[in-house]
């Protein structure tokens, strides 16, 4: 498995979809710090307003 990029939050979080995949799962990335996330991770990204972005919510419903 490829490793995800994880960087300290700078209060600029804005999560978006990318074209990348890891183990068949779409990779979402933060435009603020460059961190990455896939739905199998044990944490949930939020944006700079404290809201869970729609692209993250869409992946969360696919968790099994």
PDB file of N, CA and C in Angstrom:
ATOM      1  N   UNK A   1       0.843  -1.184   0.000  1.00  0.00           N
ATOM      2  CA  UNK A   1       0.000   0.000   0.000  1.00  0.00           C
ATOM      3  C   UNK A   1       0.878   1.232   0.000  1.00  0.00           C
ATOM      4  N   UNK A   2       0.534   2.198  -0.807  1.00  0.00           N
ATOM      5  CA  UNK A   2       1.241   3.472  -0.813  1.00  0.00           C
ATOM      6  C   UNK A   2       0.874   4.260   0.428  1.00  0.00           C
ATOM      7  N   UNK A   3       1.804   5.062   0.878  1.00  0.00           N
ATOM      8  CA  UNK A   3       1.536   5.876   2.060  1.00  0.00           C
ATOM      9  C   UNK A   3       0.871   7.179   1.651  1.00  0.00           C
ATOM     10  N   UNK A   4      -0.017   7.644   2.496  1.00  0.00           N
ATOM     11  CA  UNK A   4      -0.670   8.927   2.289  1.00  0.00           C
ATOM     12  C   UNK A   4       0.226  10.032   2.813  1.00  0.00           C
ATOM     13  N   UNK A   5       0.139  11.203   2.227  1.00  0.00           N
ATOM     14  CA  UNK A   5       0.840  12.370   2.751  1.00  0.00           C
ATOM     15  C   UNK A   5       0.048  12.915   3.926  1.00  0.00           C
ATOM     16  N   UNK A   6       0.735  13.179   5.024  1.00  0.00           N
ATOM     17  CA  UNK A   6       0.084  13.734   6.212  1.00  0.00           C
ATOM     18  C   UNK A   6       0.932  14.895   6.706  1.00  0.00           C
ATOM     19  N   UNK A   7       0.330  16.072   6.784  1.00  0.00           N
ATOM     20  CA  UNK A   7       1.035  17.288   7.192  1.00  0.00           C
ATOM     21  C   UNK A   7       0.242  18.001   8.283  1.00  0.00           C
ATOM     22  N   UNK A   8       0.896  18.823   9.091  1.00  0.00           N
ATOM     23  CA  UNK A   8       0.173  19.574  10.124  1.00  0.00           C
ATOM     24  C   UNK A   8      -0.860  20.520   9.500  1.00  0.00           C
ATOM     25  N   UNK A   9      -2.002  20.608  10.133  1.00  0.00           N
ATOM     26  CA  UNK A   9      -3.056  21.513   9.666  1.00  0.00           C
ATOM     27  C   UNK A   9      -2.605  22.955   9.853  1.00  0.00           C
ATOM     28  N   UNK A  10      -2.930  23.786   8.869  1.00  0.00           N
ATOM     29  CA  UNK A  10      -2.602  25.203   8.953  1.00  0.00           C
ATOM     30  C   UNK A  10      -3.869  26.057   8.956  1.00  0.00           C
ATOM     31  N   UNK A  11      -4.993  25.454   9.329  1.00  0.00           N
ATOM     32  CA  UNK A  11      -6.293  26.134   9.346  1.00  0.00           C
ATOM     33  C   UNK A  11      -6.689  26.649   7.972  1.00  0.00           C
ATOM     34  N   UNK A  12      -6.234  25.977   6.932  1.00  0.00           N
ATOM     35  CA  UNK A  12      -6.569  26.324   5.551  1.00  0.00           C
ATOM     36  C   UNK A  12      -7.258  25.169   4.841  1.00  0.00           C
ATOM     37  N   UNK A  13      -7.723  24.188   5.607  1.00  0.00           N
ATOM     38  CA  UNK A  13      -8.229  22.950   5.025  1.00  0.00           C
ATOM     39  C   UNK A  13      -9.370  23.180   4.044  1.00  0.00           C
ATOM     40  N   UNK A  14      -9.223  22.556   2.900  1.00  0.00           N
ATOM     41  CA  UNK A  14     -10.240  22.555   1.858  1.00  0.00           C
ATOM     42  C   UNK A  14     -10.048  21.248   1.091  1.00  0.00           C
ATOM     43  N   UNK A  15     -10.823  20.237   1.430  1.00  0.00           N
ATOM     44  CA  UNK A  15     -10.654  18.903   0.865  1.00  0.00           C
ATOM     45  C   UNK A  15     -11.311  18.784  -0.499  1.00  0.00           C
ATOM     46  N   UNK A  16     -10.628  18.058  -1.394  1.00  0.00           N
ATOM     47  CA  UNK A  16     -11.138  17.883  -2.751  1.00  0.00           C
ATOM     48  C   UNK A  16     -10.782  16.497  -3.266  1.00  0.00           C
ATOM     49  N   UNK A  17     -11.498  16.070  -4.291  1.00  0.00           N
ATOM     50  CA  UNK A  17     -11.204  14.798  -4.940  1.00  0.00           C
ATOM     51  C   UNK A  17      -9.949  14.947  -5.790  1.00  0.00           C
ATOM     52  N   UNK A  18      -9.235  13.843  -5.968  1.00  0.00           N
ATOM     53  CA  UNK A  18      -8.082  13.817  -6.864  1.00  0.00           C
ATOM     54  C   UNK A  18      -8.282  12.693  -7.866  1.00  0.00           C
ATOM     55  N   UNK A  19      -7.359  12.553  -8.775  1.00  0.00           N
ATOM     56  CA  UNK A  19      -7.416  11.445  -9.746  1.00  0.00           C
ATOM     57  C   UNK A  19      -6.693  10.217  -9.228  1.00  0.00           C
ATOM     58  N   UNK A  20      -6.022  10.351  -8.091  1.00  0.00           N
ATOM     59  CA  UNK A  20      -5.230   9.253  -7.535  1.00  0.00           C
ATOM     60  C   UNK A  20      -6.104   8.229  -6.824  1.00  0.00           C
ATOM     61  N   UNK A  21      -5.590   7.010  -6.754  1.00  0.00           N
ATOM     62  CA  UNK A  21      -6.234   5.926  -6.000  1.00  0.00           C
ATOM     63  C   UNK A  21      -5.162   5.164  -5.239  1.00  0.00           C
ATOM     64  N   UNK A  22      -5.536   4.625  -4.093  1.00  0.00           N
ATOM     65  CA  UNK A  22      -4.693   3.717  -3.329  1.00  0.00           C
ATOM     66  C   UNK A  22      -5.542   2.501  -3.011  1.00  0.00           C
ATOM     67  N   UNK A  23      -5.057   1.344  -3.409  1.00  0.00           N
ATOM     68  CA  UNK A  23      -5.795   0.087  -3.210  1.00  0.00           C
ATOM     69  C   UNK A  23      -7.221   0.184  -3.743  1.00  0.00           C
ATOM     70  N   UNK A  24      -7.398   0.873  -4.859  1.00  0.00           N
ATOM     71  CA  UNK A  24      -8.711   1.005  -5.480  1.00  0.00           C
ATOM     72  C   UNK A  24      -9.618   2.046  -4.850  1.00  0.00           C
ATOM     73  N   UNK A  25      -9.130   2.749  -3.825  1.00  0.00           N
ATOM     74  CA  UNK A  25      -9.934   3.777  -3.156  1.00  0.00           C
ATOM     75  C   UNK A  25      -9.504   5.157  -3.633  1.00  0.00           C
ATOM     76  N   UNK A  26     -10.468   6.042  -3.907  1.00  0.00           N
ATOM     77  CA  UNK A  26     -10.117   7.386  -4.336  1.00  0.00           C
ATOM     78  C   UNK A  26      -9.415   8.157  -3.217  1.00  0.00           C
ATOM     79  N   UNK A  27      -8.392   8.895  -3.603  1.00  0.00           N
ATOM     80  CA  UNK A  27      -7.639   9.717  -2.655  1.00  0.00           C
ATOM     81  C   UNK A  27      -8.203  11.133  -2.681  1.00  0.00           C
ATOM     82  N   UNK A  28      -8.547  11.648  -1.509  1.00  0.00           N
ATOM     83  CA  UNK A  28      -8.941  13.045  -1.367  1.00  0.00           C
ATOM     84  C   UNK A  28      -7.747  13.786  -0.783  1.00  0.00           C
ATOM     85  N   UNK A  29      -7.585  15.055  -1.147  1.00  0.00           N
ATOM     86  CA  UNK A  29      -6.434  15.823  -0.686  1.00  0.00           C
ATOM     87  C   UNK A  29      -6.858  17.197  -0.198  1.00  0.00           C
ATOM     88  N   UNK A  30      -6.105  17.704   0.755  1.00  0.00           N
ATOM     89  CA  UNK A  30      -6.338  19.036   1.297  1.00  0.00           C
ATOM     90  C   UNK A  30      -5.535  20.052   0.490  1.00  0.00           C
ATOM     91  N   UNK A  31      -6.209  21.068  -0.015  1.00  0.00           N
ATOM     92  CA  UNK A  31      -5.518  22.120  -0.763  1.00  0.00           C
ATOM     93  C   UNK A  31      -4.703  23.019   0.152  1.00  0.00           C
ATOM     94  N   UNK A  32      -5.002  23.010   1.446  1.00  0.00           N
ATOM     95  CA  UNK A  32      -4.293  23.888   2.379  1.00  0.00           C
ATOM     96  C   UNK A  32      -2.942  23.358   2.806  1.00  0.00           C
ATOM     97  N   UNK A  33      -2.863  22.062   3.130  1.00  0.00           N
ATOM     98  CA  UNK A  33      -1.605  21.522   3.656  1.00  0.00           C
ATOM     99  C   UNK A  33      -1.054  20.371   2.838  1.00  0.00           C
ATOM    100  N   UNK A  34      -1.849  19.826   1.917  1.00  0.00           N
ATOM    101  CA  UNK A  34      -1.374  18.728   1.088  1.00  0.00           C
ATOM    102  C   UNK A  34      -1.598  17.344   1.678  1.00  0.00           C
ATOM    103  N   UNK A  35      -2.247  17.248   2.838  1.00  0.00           N
ATOM    104  CA  UNK A  35      -2.539  15.937   3.409  1.00  0.00           C
ATOM    105  C   UNK A  35      -3.496  15.183   2.499  1.00  0.00           C
ATOM    106  N   UNK A  36      -3.467  13.859   2.611  1.00  0.00           N
ATOM    107  CA  UNK A  36      -4.333  13.011   1.804  1.00  0.00           C
ATOM    108  C   UNK A  36      -5.137  12.090   2.710  1.00  0.00           C
ATOM    109  N   UNK A  37      -6.256  11.590   2.158  1.00  0.00           N
ATOM    110  CA  UNK A  37      -7.155  10.736   2.937  1.00  0.00           C
ATOM    111  C   UNK A  37      -7.868   9.770   2.019  1.00  0.00           C
ATOM    112  N   UNK A  38      -8.068   8.540   2.501  1.00  0.00           N
ATOM    113  CA  UNK A  38      -8.949   7.566   1.864  1.00  0.00           C
ATOM    114  C   UNK A  38      -9.914   7.063   2.931  1.00  0.00           C
ATOM    115  N   UNK A  39     -11.062   6.560   2.500  1.00  0.00           N
ATOM    116  CA  UNK A  39     -12.134   6.236   3.442  1.00  0.00           C
ATOM    117  C   UNK A  39     -11.800   5.142   4.445  1.00  0.00           C
ATOM    118  N   UNK A  40     -10.755   4.361   4.205  1.00  0.00           N
ATOM    119  CA  UNK A  40     -10.387   3.318   5.163  1.00  0.00           C
ATOM    120  C   UNK A  40      -9.598   3.869   6.353  1.00  0.00           C
ATOM    121  N   UNK A  41      -9.230   5.131   6.305  1.00  0.00           N
ATOM    122  CA  UNK A  41      -8.527   5.755   7.427  1.00  0.00           C
ATOM    123  C   UNK A  41      -9.475   5.889   8.617  1.00  0.00           C
ATOM    124  N   UNK A  42      -8.934   5.883   9.814  1.00  0.00           N
ATOM    125  CA  UNK A  42      -9.742   5.922  11.027  1.00  0.00           C
ATOM    126  C   UNK A  42     -10.114   7.321  11.488  1.00  0.00           C
ATOM    127  N   UNK A  43      -9.904   8.312  10.664  1.00  0.00           N
ATOM    128  CA  UNK A  43     -10.244   9.695  11.030  1.00  0.00           C
ATOM    129  C   UNK A  43     -11.037  10.312   9.883  1.00  0.00           C
ATOM    130  N   UNK A  44     -11.686  11.419  10.160  1.00  0.00           N
ATOM    131  CA  UNK A  44     -12.524  12.082   9.168  1.00  0.00           C
ATOM    132  C   UNK A  44     -12.053  13.512   8.957  1.00  0.00           C
ATOM    133  N   UNK A  45     -11.691  13.869   7.729  1.00  0.00           N
ATOM    134  CA  UNK A  45     -11.242  15.231   7.452  1.00  0.00           C
ATOM    135  C   UNK A  45     -12.374  16.243   7.592  1.00  0.00           C
ATOM    136  N   UNK A  46     -12.026  17.424   8.045  1.00  0.00           N
ATOM    137  CA  UNK A  46     -12.956  18.555   8.060  1.00  0.00           C
ATOM    138  C   UNK A  46     -12.275  19.721   7.361  1.00  0.00           C
ATOM    139  N   UNK A  47     -13.073  20.654   6.881  1.00  0.00           N
ATOM    140  CA  UNK A  47     -12.467  21.818   6.239  1.00  0.00           C
ATOM    141  C   UNK A  47     -12.219  22.914   7.273  1.00  0.00           C
ATOM    142  N   UNK A  48     -11.725  24.046   6.822  1.00  0.00           N
ATOM    143  CA  UNK A  48     -11.331  25.124   7.736  1.00  0.00           C
ATOM    144  C   UNK A  48     -12.505  25.714   8.526  1.00  0.00           C
ATOM    145  N   UNK A  49     -13.724  25.434   8.118  1.00  0.00           N
ATOM    146  CA  UNK A  49     -14.898  25.930   8.841  1.00  0.00           C
ATOM    147  C   UNK A  49     -15.395  24.939   9.886  1.00  0.00           C
ATOM    148  N   UNK A  50     -14.769  23.746   9.933  1.00  0.00           N
ATOM    149  CA  UNK A  50     -15.204  22.709  10.849  1.00  0.00           C
ATOM    150  C   UNK A  50     -16.255  21.786  10.254  1.00  0.00           C
ATOM    151  N   UNK A  51     -16.590  21.982   9.003  1.00  0.00           N
ATOM    152  CA  UNK A  51     -17.595  21.189   8.294  1.00  0.00           C
ATOM    153  C   UNK A  51     -16.942  20.005   7.574  1.00  0.00           C
ATOM    154  N   UNK A  52     -17.632  18.876   7.527  1.00  0.00           N
ATOM    155  CA  UNK A  52     -17.167  17.741   6.742  1.00  0.00           C
ATOM    156  C   UNK A  52     -17.562  18.013   5.283  1.00  0.00           C
ATOM    157  N   UNK A  53     -16.592  18.112   4.389  1.00  0.00           N
ATOM    158  CA  UNK A  53     -16.895  18.417   2.989  1.00  0.00           C
ATOM    159  C   UNK A  53     -17.751  17.337   2.330  1.00  0.00           C
ATOM    160  N   UNK A  54     -18.514  17.721   1.334  1.00  0.00           N
ATOM    161  CA  UNK A  54     -19.399  16.788   0.628  1.00  0.00           C
ATOM    162  C   UNK A  54     -18.634  15.612   0.030  1.00  0.00           C
ATOM    163  N   UNK A  55     -17.448  15.856  -0.526  1.00  0.00           N
ATOM    164  CA  UNK A  55     -16.681  14.751  -1.124  1.00  0.00           C
ATOM    165  C   UNK A  55     -16.260  13.744  -0.060  1.00  0.00           C
ATOM    166  N   UNK A  56     -15.999  14.195   1.161  1.00  0.00           N
ATOM    167  CA  UNK A  56     -15.653  13.301   2.264  1.00  0.00           C
ATOM    168  C   UNK A  56     -16.897  12.535   2.701  1.00  0.00           C
ATOM    169  N   UNK A  57     -18.030  13.216   2.831  1.00  0.00           N
ATOM    170  CA  UNK A  57     -19.289  12.551   3.206  1.00  0.00           C
ATOM    171  C   UNK A  57     -19.641  11.437   2.227  1.00  0.00           C
ATOM    172  N   UNK A  58     -19.430  11.701   0.940  1.00  0.00           N
ATOM    173  CA  UNK A  58     -19.742  10.702  -0.086  1.00  0.00           C
ATOM    174  C   UNK A  58     -18.888   9.449   0.099  1.00  0.00           C
ATOM    175  N   UNK A  59     -17.648   9.612   0.511  1.00  0.00           N
ATOM    176  CA  UNK A  59     -16.779   8.467   0.755  1.00  0.00           C
ATOM    177  C   UNK A  59     -17.148   7.771   2.078  1.00  0.00           C
ATOM    178  N   UNK A  60     -17.535   8.521   3.080  1.00  0.00           N
ATOM    179  CA  UNK A  60     -17.871   7.932   4.372  1.00  0.00           C
ATOM    180  C   UNK A  60     -19.049   6.962   4.290  1.00  0.00           C
ATOM    181  N   UNK A  61     -20.022   7.261   3.439  1.00  0.00           N
ATOM    182  CA  UNK A  61     -21.172   6.373   3.310  1.00  0.00           C
ATOM    183  C   UNK A  61     -20.802   5.047   2.651  1.00  0.00           C
ATOM    184  N   UNK A  62     -19.635   4.996   2.019  1.00  0.00           N
ATOM    185  CA  UNK A  62     -19.166   3.780   1.355  1.00  0.00           C
ATOM    186  C   UNK A  62     -18.340   2.904   2.277  1.00  0.00           C
ATOM    187  N   UNK A  63     -18.044   3.370   3.485  1.00  0.00           N
ATOM    188  CA  UNK A  63     -17.283   2.552   4.447  1.00  0.00           C
ATOM    189  C   UNK A  63     -18.084   1.305   4.788  1.00  0.00           C
ATOM    190  N   UNK A  64     -17.394   0.186   4.933  1.00  0.00           N
ATOM    191  CA  UNK A  64     -18.116  -1.033   5.308  1.00  0.00           C
ATOM    192  C   UNK A  64     -17.738  -1.496   6.690  1.00  0.00           C
TER     193      UNK A  64
END
